[in-house]
Amino acid sequence: MDTAGGGSAAAPATPPGAAAVRVRGLWKRFGEQIAVHGVDLDLPAGRFVGLVGPNGAGKTTTLSMITGLLRPDEGTVEVVGRDVWRDPADVKSRIGVLPEGLRLFERLSGRELLTFMGRLRGLPVAEVERRADELLDVLDLSAAQHKLVIDYSTGMRKKTGLATALLHNPEVLFLDEPFEGVDPVSAQTIRGVLERYTASGATVVFSSHVMELVESLCDWVAVMAAGRVRAHGPLAEVRGGAESLQEAFLRLVGAQGNPAGPRLEWLGGTA
């Protein structure tokens, strides 16, 4: 793959059409709260996959278990054919993760952070420098590469986080709300890099509650609500006869809205 990270690599281990991620019987409870209810799900390789749902649907919890950040109470997860919890080191070497609520080493510069993460991944120094140069350039971070991350804007942090997730050329990239709080210019830059990445045959799993964004980016979606998967498949199939993914989503999750009725009659009126 010749991504923004540069460098040529072997083709993804999981062929297109196969499952990049296979989840069986996944459960997670927090006290009395059941966050994920026995999820079974296969996410196809070589696709831009959207995991959508309202706030509290269980998207972030599911992604955290898939990527080895949170241990499930029950169930199994395989990524590119490897069991996440039996062989976590192998799986984590093959994936990139951009989590929600991103935490970075803020007292490093952007360049230092990429160098540190590349060496942590076991890449040779020269290769880290080459890939960092290209990522900083493509993500429009070159001018700020020597500034401390603590001084970065939200958009710059998201782009820096994406650079660290792509640096080792992963087979599957997991993104949790990557565009939240990002300005339109940075969002367009991130989008361009992701489209280039998936065009090479790699897999992106993208979580969001913004249906319009998912519909414009993804060709395969899974809809979650209340910790369960309500529908999954190619975008056109999940959308069905609906005019938009938003319309189909509201029908699938049973959202009827909450009209104000006789309440809030004062809102917008004059005193």
C-alpha atoms as a PDB file:
ATOM      1  CA  MET A   1       0.000   0.000   0.000  1.00  0.00           C
ATOM      2  CA  ASP A   2       1.250   3.450  -0.881  1.00  0.00           C
ATOM      3  CA  THR A   3      -0.729   5.659   1.473  1.00  0.00           C
ATOM      4  CA  ALA A   4      -0.044   9.130   2.695  1.00  0.00           C
ATOM      5  CA  GLY A   5       2.340   7.362   5.040  1.00  0.00           C
ATOM      6  CA  GLY A   6       4.390   6.357   2.059  1.00  0.00           C
ATOM      7  CA  GLY A   7       6.065   3.090   1.449  1.00  0.00           C
ATOM      8  CA  SER A   8       4.967  -0.033  -0.277  1.00  0.00           C
ATOM      9  CA  ALA A   9       3.698  -2.962   1.754  1.00  0.00           C
ATOM     10  CA  ALA A  10       2.241  -6.406   1.250  1.00  0.00           C
ATOM     11  CA  ALA A  11      -1.423  -6.704   0.368  1.00  0.00           C
ATOM     12  CA  PRO A  12      -3.816  -6.932   3.313  1.00  0.00           C
ATOM     13  CA  ALA A  13      -3.881 -10.442   4.809  1.00  0.00           C
ATOM     14  CA  THR A  14      -7.679 -10.606   4.637  1.00  0.00           C
ATOM     15  CA  PRO A  15      -8.884 -10.663   1.006  1.00  0.00           C
ATOM     16  CA  PRO A  16     -11.692  -8.327  -0.107  1.00  0.00           C
ATOM     17  CA  GLY A  17     -15.072  -9.919   0.464  1.00  0.00           C
ATOM     18  CA  ALA A  18     -13.888 -11.735   3.590  1.00  0.00           C
ATOM     19  CA  ALA A  19     -14.455 -10.463   7.111  1.00  0.00           C
ATOM     20  CA  ALA A  20     -11.848  -8.018   8.401  1.00  0.00           C
ATOM     21  CA  VAL A  21     -13.617  -8.173  11.775  1.00  0.00           C
ATOM     22  CA  ARG A  22     -15.664 -11.084  13.144  1.00  0.00           C
ATOM     23  CA  VAL A  23     -17.609 -10.599  16.390  1.00  0.00           C
ATOM     24  CA  ARG A  24     -19.570 -13.343  18.129  1.00  0.00           C
ATOM     25  CA  GLY A  25     -21.721 -13.102  21.266  1.00  0.00           C
ATOM     26  CA  LEU A  26     -20.205  -9.837  22.508  1.00  0.00           C
ATOM     27  CA  TRP A  27     -21.516  -8.578  25.862  1.00  0.00           C
ATOM     28  CA  LYS A  28     -20.463  -5.732  28.130  1.00  0.00           C
ATOM     29  CA  ARG A  29     -22.073  -4.619  31.381  1.00  0.00           C
ATOM     30  CA  PHE A  30     -21.273  -1.666  33.613  1.00  0.00           C
ATOM     31  CA  GLY A  31     -22.981  -2.498  36.907  1.00  0.00           C
ATOM     32  CA  GLU A  32     -26.678  -2.835  36.157  1.00  0.00           C
ATOM     33  CA  GLN A  33     -26.273  -1.166  32.763  1.00  0.00           C
ATOM     34  CA  ILE A  34     -25.926  -3.466  29.746  1.00  0.00           C
ATOM     35  CA  ALA A  35     -23.969  -1.494  27.150  1.00  0.00           C
ATOM     36  CA  VAL A  36     -23.612  -4.240  24.501  1.00  0.00           C
ATOM     37  CA  HIS A  37     -26.180  -7.051  24.177  1.00  0.00           C
ATOM     38  CA  GLY A  38     -24.741 -10.190  22.563  1.00  0.00           C
ATOM     39  CA  VAL A  39     -23.582  -8.615  19.305  1.00  0.00           C
ATOM     40  CA  ASP A  40     -22.805 -10.842  16.305  1.00  0.00           C
ATOM     41  CA  LEU A  41     -21.276  -8.965  13.392  1.00  0.00           C
ATOM     42  CA  ASP A  42     -18.975  -9.508  10.395  1.00  0.00           C
ATOM     43  CA  LEU A  43     -17.349  -6.375   8.923  1.00  0.00           C
ATOM     44  CA  PRO A  44     -16.088  -6.882   5.349  1.00  0.00           C
ATOM     45  CA  ALA A  45     -12.459  -6.329   4.352  1.00  0.00           C
ATOM     46  CA  GLY A  46     -11.404  -3.699   1.835  1.00  0.00           C
ATOM     47  CA  ARG A  47     -14.429  -1.482   2.523  1.00  0.00           C
ATOM     48  CA  PHE A  48     -15.251   1.812   4.200  1.00  0.00           C
ATOM     49  CA  VAL A  49     -17.509   0.519   6.984  1.00  0.00           C
ATOM     50  CA  GLY A  50     -19.776   2.790   9.015  1.00  0.00           C
ATOM     51  CA  LEU A  51     -20.901   1.888  12.532  1.00  0.00           C
ATOM     52  CA  VAL A  52     -23.773   4.250  13.268  1.00  0.00           C
ATOM     53  CA  GLY A  53     -26.176   4.859  16.098  1.00  0.00           C
ATOM     54  CA  PRO A  54     -27.480   7.483  18.507  1.00  0.00           C
ATOM     55  CA  ASN A  55     -25.505   8.568  21.558  1.00  0.00           C
ATOM     56  CA  GLY A  56     -25.464   5.691  24.047  1.00  0.00           C
ATOM     57  CA  ALA A  57     -26.016   3.035  21.369  1.00  0.00           C
ATOM     58  CA  GLY A  58     -22.891   1.101  22.365  1.00  0.00           C
ATOM     59  CA  LYS A  59     -20.704   2.075  19.392  1.00  0.00           C
ATOM     60  CA  THR A  60     -17.677   3.241  21.373  1.00  0.00           C
ATOM     61  CA  THR A  61     -17.917   0.306  23.796  1.00  0.00           C
ATOM     62  CA  THR A  62     -18.081  -2.134  20.880  1.00  0.00           C
ATOM     63  CA  LEU A  63     -15.113  -0.546  19.127  1.00  0.00           C
ATOM     64  CA  SER A  64     -13.131  -0.529  22.379  1.00  0.00           C
ATOM     65  CA  MET A  65     -13.665  -4.285  22.750  1.00  0.00           C
ATOM     66  CA  ILE A  66     -12.853  -4.963  19.088  1.00  0.00           C
ATOM     67  CA  THR A  67      -9.562  -3.053  19.316  1.00  0.00           C
ATOM     68  CA  GLY A  68      -8.442  -4.601  22.614  1.00  0.00           C
ATOM     69  CA  LEU A  69      -8.935  -1.482  24.725  1.00  0.00           C
ATOM     70  CA  LEU A  70     -11.765  -2.955  26.821  1.00  0.00           C
ATOM     71  CA  ARG A  71     -12.202  -6.595  27.808  1.00  0.00           C
ATOM     72  CA  PRO A  72     -15.655  -8.037  27.010  1.00  0.00           C
ATOM     73  CA  ASP A  73     -17.670  -9.875  29.651  1.00  0.00           C
ATOM     74  CA  GLU A  74     -18.510 -12.542  27.079  1.00  0.00           C
ATOM     75  CA  GLY A  75     -17.860 -13.232  23.420  1.00  0.00           C
ATOM     76  CA  THR A  76     -15.017 -13.409  20.927  1.00  0.00           C
ATOM     77  CA  VAL A  77     -13.467 -10.925  18.512  1.00  0.00           C
ATOM     78  CA  GLU A  78     -11.249 -11.717  15.527  1.00  0.00           C
ATOM     79  CA  VAL A  79      -9.488  -9.044  13.471  1.00  0.00           C
ATOM     80  CA  VAL A  80      -7.831 -10.161  10.206  1.00  0.00           C
ATOM     81  CA  GLY A  81      -8.297 -13.731  11.412  1.00  0.00           C
ATOM     82  CA  ARG A  82      -6.520 -13.260  14.759  1.00  0.00           C
ATOM     83  CA  ASP A  83      -8.212 -13.486  18.141  1.00  0.00           C
ATOM     84  CA  VAL A  84      -7.942 -10.059  19.785  1.00  0.00           C
ATOM     85  CA  TRP A  85      -7.771 -11.403  23.327  1.00  0.00           C
ATOM     86  CA  ARG A  86      -5.634 -14.502  22.709  1.00  0.00           C
ATOM     87  CA  ASP A  87      -2.998 -12.737  20.607  1.00  0.00           C
ATOM     88  CA  PRO A  88      -3.330  -9.015  21.380  1.00  0.00           C
ATOM     89  CA  ALA A  89       0.223  -8.038  20.388  1.00  0.00           C
ATOM     90  CA  ASP A  90      -0.168  -9.499  16.882  1.00  0.00           C
ATOM     91  CA  VAL A  91      -3.580  -7.882  16.379  1.00  0.00           C
ATOM     92  CA  LYS A  92      -2.420  -4.470  17.601  1.00  0.00           C
ATOM     93  CA  SER A  93       0.503  -4.554  15.186  1.00  0.00           C
ATOM     94  CA  ARG A  94      -2.002  -4.894  12.321  1.00  0.00           C
ATOM     95  CA  ILE A  95      -4.502  -2.181  13.284  1.00  0.00           C
ATOM     96  CA  GLY A  96      -4.559   1.577  13.686  1.00  0.00           C
ATOM     97  CA  VAL A  97      -6.881   3.276  16.172  1.00  0.00           C
ATOM     98  CA  LEU A  98      -8.092   6.858  16.446  1.00  0.00           C
ATOM     99  CA  PRO A  99     -10.298   6.789  19.559  1.00  0.00           C
ATOM    100  CA  GLU A 100     -12.861   9.309  20.738  1.00  0.00           C
ATOM    101  CA  GLY A 101     -11.465  11.594  23.430  1.00  0.00           C
ATOM    102  CA  LEU A 102      -8.011  11.300  21.891  1.00  0.00           C
ATOM    103  CA  ARG A 103      -5.093  11.527  24.326  1.00  0.00           C
ATOM    104  CA  LEU A 104      -1.653  12.430  22.977  1.00  0.00           C
ATOM    105  CA  PHE A 105       1.709  13.084  24.582  1.00  0.00           C
ATOM    106  CA  GLU A 106       1.200  16.831  24.771  1.00  0.00           C
ATOM    107  CA  ARG A 107       4.749  17.784  25.788  1.00  0.00           C
ATOM    108  CA  LEU A 108       6.146  16.393  22.550  1.00  0.00           C
ATOM    109  CA  SER A 109       6.089  18.224  19.252  1.00  0.00           C
ATOM    110  CA  GLY A 110       4.125  16.712  16.383  1.00  0.00           C
ATOM    111  CA  ARG A 111       7.347  15.513  14.772  1.00  0.00           C
ATOM    112  CA  GLU A 112       8.653  14.043  18.054  1.00  0.00           C
ATOM    113  CA  LEU A 113       5.357  12.235  18.624  1.00  0.00           C
ATOM    114  CA  LEU A 114       5.481  10.571  15.205  1.00  0.00           C
ATOM    115  CA  THR A 115       9.117   9.596  15.713  1.00  0.00           C
ATOM    116  CA  PHE A 116       8.334   8.134  19.131  1.00  0.00           C
ATOM    117  CA  MET A 117       5.335   6.159  17.863  1.00  0.00           C
ATOM    118  CA  GLY A 118       7.238   4.870  14.844  1.00  0.00           C
ATOM    119  CA  ARG A 119      10.119   3.613  16.958  1.00  0.00           C
ATOM    120  CA  LEU A 120       7.627   2.092  19.404  1.00  0.00           C
ATOM    121  CA  ARG A 121       6.193   0.178  16.439  1.00  0.00           C
ATOM    122  CA  GLY A 122       9.663  -1.121  15.584  1.00  0.00           C
ATOM    123  CA  LEU A 123      10.141   0.829  12.347  1.00  0.00           C
ATOM    124  CA  PRO A 124      13.706   1.766  11.337  1.00  0.00           C
ATOM    125  CA  VAL A 125      14.659   5.377  12.044  1.00  0.00           C
ATOM    126  CA  ALA A 126      15.069   6.283   8.358  1.00  0.00           C
ATOM    127  CA  GLU A 127      11.667   4.799   7.490  1.00  0.00           C
ATOM    128  CA  VAL A 128       9.982   6.630  10.374  1.00  0.00           C
ATOM    129  CA  GLU A 129      11.461   9.919   9.176  1.00  0.00           C
ATOM    130  CA  ARG A 130      10.371   9.310   5.592  1.00  0.00           C
ATOM    131  CA  ARG A 131       6.823   8.381   6.519  1.00  0.00           C
ATOM    132  CA  ALA A 132       6.557  11.221   9.031  1.00  0.00           C
ATOM    133  CA  ASP A 133       7.685  13.718   6.373  1.00  0.00           C
ATOM    134  CA  GLU A 134       4.981  12.541   3.985  1.00  0.00           C
ATOM    135  CA  LEU A 135       2.212  12.372   6.581  1.00  0.00           C
ATOM    136  CA  LEU A 136       3.009  15.838   7.931  1.00  0.00           C
ATOM    137  CA  ASP A 137       2.964  17.202   4.398  1.00  0.00           C
ATOM    138  CA  VAL A 138      -0.248  15.502   3.241  1.00  0.00           C
ATOM    139  CA  LEU A 139      -2.092  16.374   6.471  1.00  0.00           C
ATOM    140  CA  ASP A 140      -0.924  19.996   6.292  1.00  0.00           C
ATOM    141  CA  LEU A 141       1.015  19.793   9.562  1.00  0.00           C
ATOM    142  CA  SER A 142       4.523  20.545   8.310  1.00  0.00           C
ATOM    143  CA  ALA A 143       4.481  24.181   9.451  1.00  0.00           C
ATOM    144  CA  ALA A 144       3.496  23.124  12.987  1.00  0.00           C
ATOM    145  CA  GLN A 145       5.622  19.985  13.264  1.00  0.00           C
ATOM    146  CA  HIS A 146       7.984  21.514  15.853  1.00  0.00           C
ATOM    147  CA  LYS A 147       5.233  23.033  18.017  1.00  0.00           C
ATOM    148  CA  LEU A 148       4.168  21.179  21.159  1.00  0.00           C
ATOM    149  CA  VAL A 149       1.002  19.126  20.754  1.00  0.00           C
ATOM    150  CA  ILE A 150      -0.500  20.949  23.748  1.00  0.00           C
ATOM    151  CA  ASP A 151      -0.644  24.067  21.559  1.00  0.00           C
ATOM    152  CA  TYR A 152      -2.462  22.310  18.705  1.00  0.00           C
ATOM    153  CA  SER A 153      -6.083  23.020  17.786  1.00  0.00           C
ATOM    154  CA  THR A 154      -8.682  20.242  17.863  1.00  0.00           C
ATOM    155  CA  GLY A 155      -8.355  19.721  14.116  1.00  0.00           C
ATOM    156  CA  MET A 156      -4.563  19.527  14.319  1.00  0.00           C
ATOM    157  CA  ARG A 157      -4.808  16.993  17.142  1.00  0.00           C
ATOM    158  CA  LYS A 158      -7.181  14.822  15.123  1.00  0.00           C
ATOM    159  CA  LYS A 159      -4.866  14.959  12.104  1.00  0.00           C
ATOM    160  CA  THR A 160      -1.855  14.157  14.281  1.00  0.00           C
ATOM    161  CA  GLY A 161      -3.739  11.235  15.833  1.00  0.00           C
ATOM    162  CA  LEU A 162      -4.603   9.975  12.346  1.00  0.00           C
ATOM    163  CA  ALA A 163      -0.936  10.246  11.343  1.00  0.00           C
ATOM    164  CA  THR A 164       0.147   8.111  14.317  1.00  0.00           C
ATOM    165  CA  ALA A 165      -2.574   5.553  13.488  1.00  0.00           C
ATOM    166  CA  LEU A 166      -1.419   5.286   9.852  1.00  0.00           C
ATOM    167  CA  LEU A 167       2.330   5.421  10.434  1.00  0.00           C
ATOM    168  CA  HIS A 168       2.849   1.648  10.606  1.00  0.00           C
ATOM    169  CA  ASN A 169       0.610   0.995   7.574  1.00  0.00           C
ATOM    170  CA  PRO A 170      -2.155  -1.009   9.327  1.00  0.00           C
ATOM    171  CA  GLU A 171      -4.470  -3.473   7.628  1.00  0.00           C
ATOM    172  CA  VAL A 172      -7.543  -2.135   9.445  1.00  0.00           C
ATOM    173  CA  LEU A 173      -8.064   1.414  10.710  1.00  0.00           C
ATOM    174  CA  PHE A 174     -10.638   2.095  13.466  1.00  0.00           C
ATOM    175  CA  LEU A 175     -11.957   5.649  13.835  1.00  0.00           C
ATOM    176  CA  ASP A 176     -14.352   6.808  16.553  1.00  0.00           C
ATOM    177  CA  GLU A 177     -15.980  10.158  15.662  1.00  0.00           C
ATOM    178  CA  PRO A 178     -12.873  11.395  13.783  1.00  0.00           C
ATOM    179  CA  PHE A 179     -14.588  14.542  12.485  1.00  0.00           C
ATOM    180  CA  GLU A 180     -16.159  15.737  15.728  1.00  0.00           C
ATOM    181  CA  GLY A 181     -14.949  19.258  16.542  1.00  0.00           C
ATOM    182  CA  VAL A 182     -12.923  19.451  13.321  1.00  0.00           C
ATOM    183  CA  ASP A 183     -13.084  22.487  11.026  1.00  0.00           C
ATOM    184  CA  PRO A 184     -14.185  21.961   7.384  1.00  0.00           C
ATOM    185  CA  VAL A 185     -10.674  22.364   5.963  1.00  0.00           C
ATOM    186  CA  SER A 186      -9.180  19.755   8.306  1.00  0.00           C
ATOM    187  CA  ALA A 187     -12.192  17.478   7.733  1.00  0.00           C
ATOM    188  CA  GLN A 188     -11.642  17.604   3.971  1.00  0.00           C
ATOM    189  CA  THR A 189      -7.947  16.780   4.433  1.00  0.00           C
ATOM    190  CA  ILE A 190      -8.751  13.800   6.685  1.00  0.00           C
ATOM    191  CA  ARG A 191     -11.379  12.608   4.240  1.00  0.00           C
ATOM    192  CA  GLY A 192      -8.951  12.697   1.334  1.00  0.00           C
ATOM    193  CA  VAL A 193      -6.366  10.618   3.212  1.00  0.00           C
ATOM    194  CA  LEU A 194      -8.987   8.039   4.221  1.00  0.00           C
ATOM    195  CA  GLU A 195     -10.310   7.708   0.678  1.00  0.00           C
ATOM    196  CA  ARG A 196      -6.769   7.167  -0.582  1.00  0.00           C
ATOM    197  CA  TYR A 197      -6.174   4.559   2.129  1.00  0.00           C
ATOM    198  CA  THR A 198      -9.292   2.501   1.372  1.00  0.00           C
ATOM    199  CA  ALA A 199      -8.669   2.725  -2.377  1.00  0.00           C
ATOM    200  CA  SER A 200      -5.510   0.674  -1.758  1.00  0.00           C
ATOM    201  CA  GLY A 201      -7.574  -2.246  -0.410  1.00  0.00           C
ATOM    202  CA  ALA A 202      -7.278  -1.488   3.304  1.00  0.00           C
ATOM    203  CA  THR A 203     -10.291  -1.402   5.648  1.00  0.00           C
ATOM    204  CA  VAL A 204     -11.681   1.539   7.609  1.00  0.00           C
ATOM    205  CA  VAL A 205     -14.237   1.062  10.383  1.00  0.00           C
ATOM    206  CA  PHE A 206     -15.739   4.446  11.117  1.00  0.00           C
ATOM    207  CA  SER A 207     -18.097   5.205  14.032  1.00  0.00           C
ATOM    208  CA  SER A 208     -20.388   8.221  14.004  1.00  0.00           C
ATOM    209  CA  HIS A 209     -23.877   9.454  14.810  1.00  0.00           C
ATOM    210  CA  VAL A 210     -23.867  11.898  11.858  1.00  0.00           C
ATOM    211  CA  MET A 211     -25.789  10.047   9.162  1.00  0.00           C
ATOM    212  CA  GLU A 212     -25.039  12.464   6.304  1.00  0.00           C
ATOM    213  CA  LEU A 213     -21.298  12.056   6.843  1.00  0.00           C
ATOM    214  CA  VAL A 214     -21.500   8.261   6.977  1.00  0.00           C
ATOM    215  CA  GLU A 215     -23.671   8.166   3.866  1.00  0.00           C
ATOM    216  CA  SER A 216     -21.156  10.269   1.926  1.00  0.00           C
ATOM    217  CA  LEU A 217     -18.143   8.171   2.968  1.00  0.00           C
ATOM    218  CA  CYS A 218     -19.196   4.573   3.632  1.00  0.00           C
ATOM    219  CA  ASP A 219     -20.325   1.806   1.296  1.00  0.00           C
ATOM    220  CA  TRP A 220     -21.247  -0.656   4.078  1.00  0.00           C
ATOM    221  CA  VAL A 221     -22.981   0.160   7.369  1.00  0.00           C
ATOM    222  CA  ALA A 222     -24.127  -1.402  10.625  1.00  0.00           C
ATOM    223  CA  VAL A 223     -26.814   0.330  12.673  1.00  0.00           C
ATOM    224  CA  MET A 224     -26.701   0.017  16.471  1.00  0.00           C
ATOM    225  CA  ALA A 225     -29.251   1.056  19.076  1.00  0.00           C
ATOM    226  CA  ALA A 226     -29.512   0.159  22.773  1.00  0.00           C
ATOM    227  CA  GLY A 227     -26.467  -2.109  22.517  1.00  0.00           C
ATOM    228  CA  ARG A 228     -27.830  -4.228  19.670  1.00  0.00           C
ATOM    229  CA  VAL A 229     -27.247  -4.343  15.911  1.00  0.00           C
ATOM    230  CA  ARG A 230     -30.534  -3.454  14.192  1.00  0.00           C
ATOM    231  CA  ALA A 231     -29.341  -3.797  10.578  1.00  0.00           C
ATOM    232  CA  HIS A 232     -26.133  -4.301   8.613  1.00  0.00           C
ATOM    233  CA  GLY A 233     -25.016  -4.652   5.023  1.00  0.00           C
ATOM    234  CA  PRO A 234     -24.245  -2.560   1.931  1.00  0.00           C
ATOM    235  CA  LEU A 235     -25.413   1.038   2.281  1.00  0.00           C
ATOM    236  CA  ALA A 236     -28.125   0.733  -0.381  1.00  0.00           C
ATOM    237  CA  GLU A 237     -29.479  -2.429   1.256  1.00  0.00           C
ATOM    238  CA  VAL A 238     -29.684  -0.891   4.736  1.00  0.00           C
ATOM    239  CA  ARG A 239     -31.227   2.281   3.361  1.00  0.00           C
ATOM    240  CA  GLY A 240     -33.861   0.219   1.542  1.00  0.00           C
ATOM    241  CA  GLY A 241     -36.589   2.362   0.057  1.00  0.00           C
ATOM    242  CA  ALA A 242     -35.764   5.341   2.246  1.00  0.00           C
ATOM    243  CA  GLU A 243     -34.576   8.559   0.631  1.00  0.00           C
ATOM    244  CA  SER A 244     -31.599   8.801   2.986  1.00  0.00           C
ATOM    245  CA  LEU A 245     -29.690   6.848   5.600  1.00  0.00           C
ATOM    246  CA  GLN A 246     -31.052   9.283   8.190  1.00  0.00           C
ATOM    247  CA  GLU A 247     -34.627   8.310   7.316  1.00  0.00           C
ATOM    248  CA  ALA A 248     -33.810   4.591   7.372  1.00  0.00           C
ATOM    249  CA  PHE A 249     -31.930   4.983  10.647  1.00  0.00           C
ATOM    250  CA  LEU A 250     -34.876   6.691  12.392  1.00  0.00           C
ATOM    251  CA  ARG A 251     -37.149   3.879  11.256  1.00  0.00           C
ATOM    252  CA  LEU A 252     -34.729   1.164  12.377  1.00  0.00           C
ATOM    253  CA  VAL A 253     -34.213   2.575  15.866  1.00  0.00           C
ATOM    254  CA  GLY A 254     -37.896   3.408  16.306  1.00  0.00           C
ATOM    255  CA  ALA A 255     -37.324   7.130  16.836  1.00  0.00           C
ATOM    256  CA  GLN A 256     -40.576   9.028  16.658  1.00  0.00           C
ATOM    257  CA  GLY A 257     -39.248  12.332  17.943  1.00  0.00           C
ATOM    258  CA  ASN A 258     -40.572  14.212  20.940  1.00  0.00           C
ATOM    259  CA  PRO A 259     -42.865  17.008  19.750  1.00  0.00           C
ATOM    260  CA  ALA A 260     -43.315  19.828  22.195  1.00  0.00           C
ATOM    261  CA  GLY A 261     -47.134  19.744  21.936  1.00  0.00           C
ATOM    262  CA  PRO A 262     -48.673  22.140  24.432  1.00  0.00           C
ATOM    263  CA  ARG A 263     -45.344  22.507  26.239  1.00  0.00           C
ATOM    264  CA  LEU A 264     -42.811  25.248  25.475  1.00  0.00           C
ATOM    265  CA  GLU A 265     -45.610  27.407  24.055  1.00  0.00           C
ATOM    266  CA  TRP A 266     -43.638  30.366  25.378  1.00  0.00           C
ATOM    267  CA  LEU A 267     -40.594  29.546  23.243  1.00  0.00           C
ATOM    268  CA  GLY A 268     -40.100  32.103  20.475  1.00  0.00           C
ATOM    269  CA  GLY A 269     -43.008  34.226  21.655  1.00  0.00           C
ATOM    270  CA  THR A 270     -42.872  37.813  22.796  1.00  0.00           C
ATOM    271  CA  ALA A 271     -43.060  38.793  26.444  1.00  0.00           C
END
